Amino acid sequence: MGIVGSFPFNSFLSGVLSCVGTAVLEICLCIQVTKENKEFKDLPLERAFADFVLCNLVLHLVIMNFLG
């Protein structure tokens, strides 16, 4: 690691954070589109999916930036 820098660790950390972040966003999407959930009953399905896509895009842009 002293010779090559922290690149291998950054790759591993980025992969793990990408998987965990996408899973968390997917859980949030499932919570928003569930019919039994009264908290998000007025939220349109298109809005929930657009939020998911936008947050996923931002997450992966940050991860790509972290890779350097």
C-alpha atoms as a PDB file:
ATOM      1  CA  MET A   1       0.000   0.000   0.000  1.00  0.00           C
ATOM      2  CA  GLY A   2       2.970   2.275   0.550  1.00  0.00           C
ATOM      3  CA  ILE A   3       4.082   1.789  -3.053  1.00  0.00           C
ATOM      4  CA  VAL A   4       0.772   1.986  -4.921  1.00  0.00           C
ATOM      5  CA  GLY A   5      -1.112   4.272  -2.579  1.00  0.00           C
ATOM      6  CA  SER A   6      -4.603   3.632  -1.275  1.00  0.00           C
ATOM      7  CA  PHE A   7      -6.162   2.846  -4.681  1.00  0.00           C
ATOM      8  CA  PRO A   8      -7.020  -0.827  -3.949  1.00  0.00           C
ATOM      9  CA  PHE A   9      -8.683   0.143  -0.679  1.00  0.00           C
ATOM     10  CA  ASN A  10     -10.631   2.952  -2.385  1.00  0.00           C
ATOM     11  CA  SER A  11     -11.915   0.484  -4.987  1.00  0.00           C
ATOM     12  CA  PHE A  12     -13.045  -1.964  -2.321  1.00  0.00           C
ATOM     13  CA  LEU A  13     -14.662   0.761  -0.241  1.00  0.00           C
ATOM     14  CA  SER A  14     -16.424   2.218  -3.293  1.00  0.00           C
ATOM     15  CA  GLY A  15     -17.825  -1.179  -4.232  1.00  0.00           C
ATOM     16  CA  VAL A  16     -19.171  -1.797  -0.758  1.00  0.00           C
ATOM     17  CA  LEU A  17     -20.667   1.697  -0.453  1.00  0.00           C
ATOM     18  CA  SER A  18     -22.261   1.378  -3.888  1.00  0.00           C
ATOM     19  CA  CYS A  19     -23.982  -1.876  -2.934  1.00  0.00           C
ATOM     20  CA  VAL A  20     -25.120  -0.657   0.466  1.00  0.00           C
ATOM     21  CA  GLY A  21     -26.280   2.722  -0.859  1.00  0.00           C
ATOM     22  CA  THR A  22     -28.280   1.166  -3.687  1.00  0.00           C
ATOM     23  CA  ALA A  23     -29.894  -1.291  -1.260  1.00  0.00           C
ATOM     24  CA  VAL A  24     -30.900   1.543   1.084  1.00  0.00           C
ATOM     25  CA  LEU A  25     -32.371   3.543  -1.793  1.00  0.00           C
ATOM     26  CA  GLU A  26     -34.284   0.471  -2.978  1.00  0.00           C
ATOM     27  CA  ILE A  27     -35.727  -0.054   0.505  1.00  0.00           C
ATOM     28  CA  CYS A  28     -36.813   3.588   0.581  1.00  0.00           C
ATOM     29  CA  LEU A  29     -38.495   3.175  -2.808  1.00  0.00           C
ATOM     30  CA  CYS A  30     -40.334   0.069  -1.618  1.00  0.00           C
ATOM     31  CA  ILE A  31     -41.542   1.900   1.474  1.00  0.00           C
ATOM     32  CA  GLN A  32     -42.824   4.807  -0.632  1.00  0.00           C
ATOM     33  CA  VAL A  33     -44.750   2.675  -3.151  1.00  0.00           C
ATOM     34  CA  THR A  34     -46.345   0.290  -0.641  1.00  0.00           C
ATOM     35  CA  LYS A  35     -50.107   0.810  -0.658  1.00  0.00           C
ATOM     36  CA  GLU A  36     -50.511   0.061   3.066  1.00  0.00           C
ATOM     37  CA  ASN A  37     -48.172   2.915   4.079  1.00  0.00           C
ATOM     38  CA  LYS A  38     -50.407   5.856   4.948  1.00  0.00           C
ATOM     39  CA  GLU A  39     -47.534   8.335   5.278  1.00  0.00           C
ATOM     40  CA  PHE A  40     -46.803   8.370   1.529  1.00  0.00           C
ATOM     41  CA  LYS A  41     -50.335   7.761   0.205  1.00  0.00           C
ATOM     42  CA  ASP A  42     -50.474  11.115  -1.661  1.00  0.00           C
ATOM     43  CA  LEU A  43     -47.061  10.635  -3.307  1.00  0.00           C
ATOM     44  CA  PRO A  44     -47.366   9.662  -6.994  1.00  0.00           C
ATOM     45  CA  LEU A  45     -45.478   6.554  -8.109  1.00  0.00           C
ATOM     46  CA  GLU A  46     -43.677   8.564 -10.796  1.00  0.00           C
ATOM     47  CA  ARG A  47     -42.330  10.982  -8.185  1.00  0.00           C
ATOM     48  CA  ALA A  48     -41.079   8.150  -5.978  1.00  0.00           C
ATOM     49  CA  PHE A  49     -39.326   6.491  -8.926  1.00  0.00           C
ATOM     50  CA  ALA A  50     -37.848   9.814 -10.094  1.00  0.00           C
ATOM     51  CA  ASP A  51     -36.482  10.417  -6.579  1.00  0.00           C
ATOM     52  CA  PHE A  52     -34.951   6.932  -6.615  1.00  0.00           C
ATOM     53  CA  VAL A  53     -33.282   7.466  -9.994  1.00  0.00           C
ATOM     54  CA  LEU A  54     -31.969  10.930  -9.093  1.00  0.00           C
ATOM     55  CA  CYS A  55     -30.556   9.804  -5.736  1.00  0.00           C
ATOM     56  CA  ASN A  56     -29.021   6.731  -7.346  1.00  0.00           C
ATOM     57  CA  LEU A  57     -27.368   8.914  -9.980  1.00  0.00           C
ATOM     58  CA  VAL A  58     -25.951  11.260  -7.327  1.00  0.00           C
ATOM     59  CA  LEU A  59     -24.745   8.303  -5.259  1.00  0.00           C
ATOM     60  CA  HIS A  60     -22.865   6.762  -8.158  1.00  0.00           C
ATOM     61  CA  LEU A  61     -21.393  10.107  -9.226  1.00  0.00           C
ATOM     62  CA  VAL A  62     -19.995  10.535  -5.713  1.00  0.00           C
ATOM     63  CA  ILE A  63     -18.633   6.984  -5.778  1.00  0.00           C
ATOM     64  CA  MET A  64     -16.957   7.560  -9.161  1.00  0.00           C
ATOM     65  CA  ASN A  65     -15.456  10.770  -7.809  1.00  0.00           C
ATOM     66  CA  PHE A  66     -14.169   8.895  -4.760  1.00  0.00           C
ATOM     67  CA  LEU A  67     -12.398   6.399  -7.005  1.00  0.00           C
ATOM     68  CA  GLY A  68     -10.465   9.308  -8.489  1.00  0.00           C
END
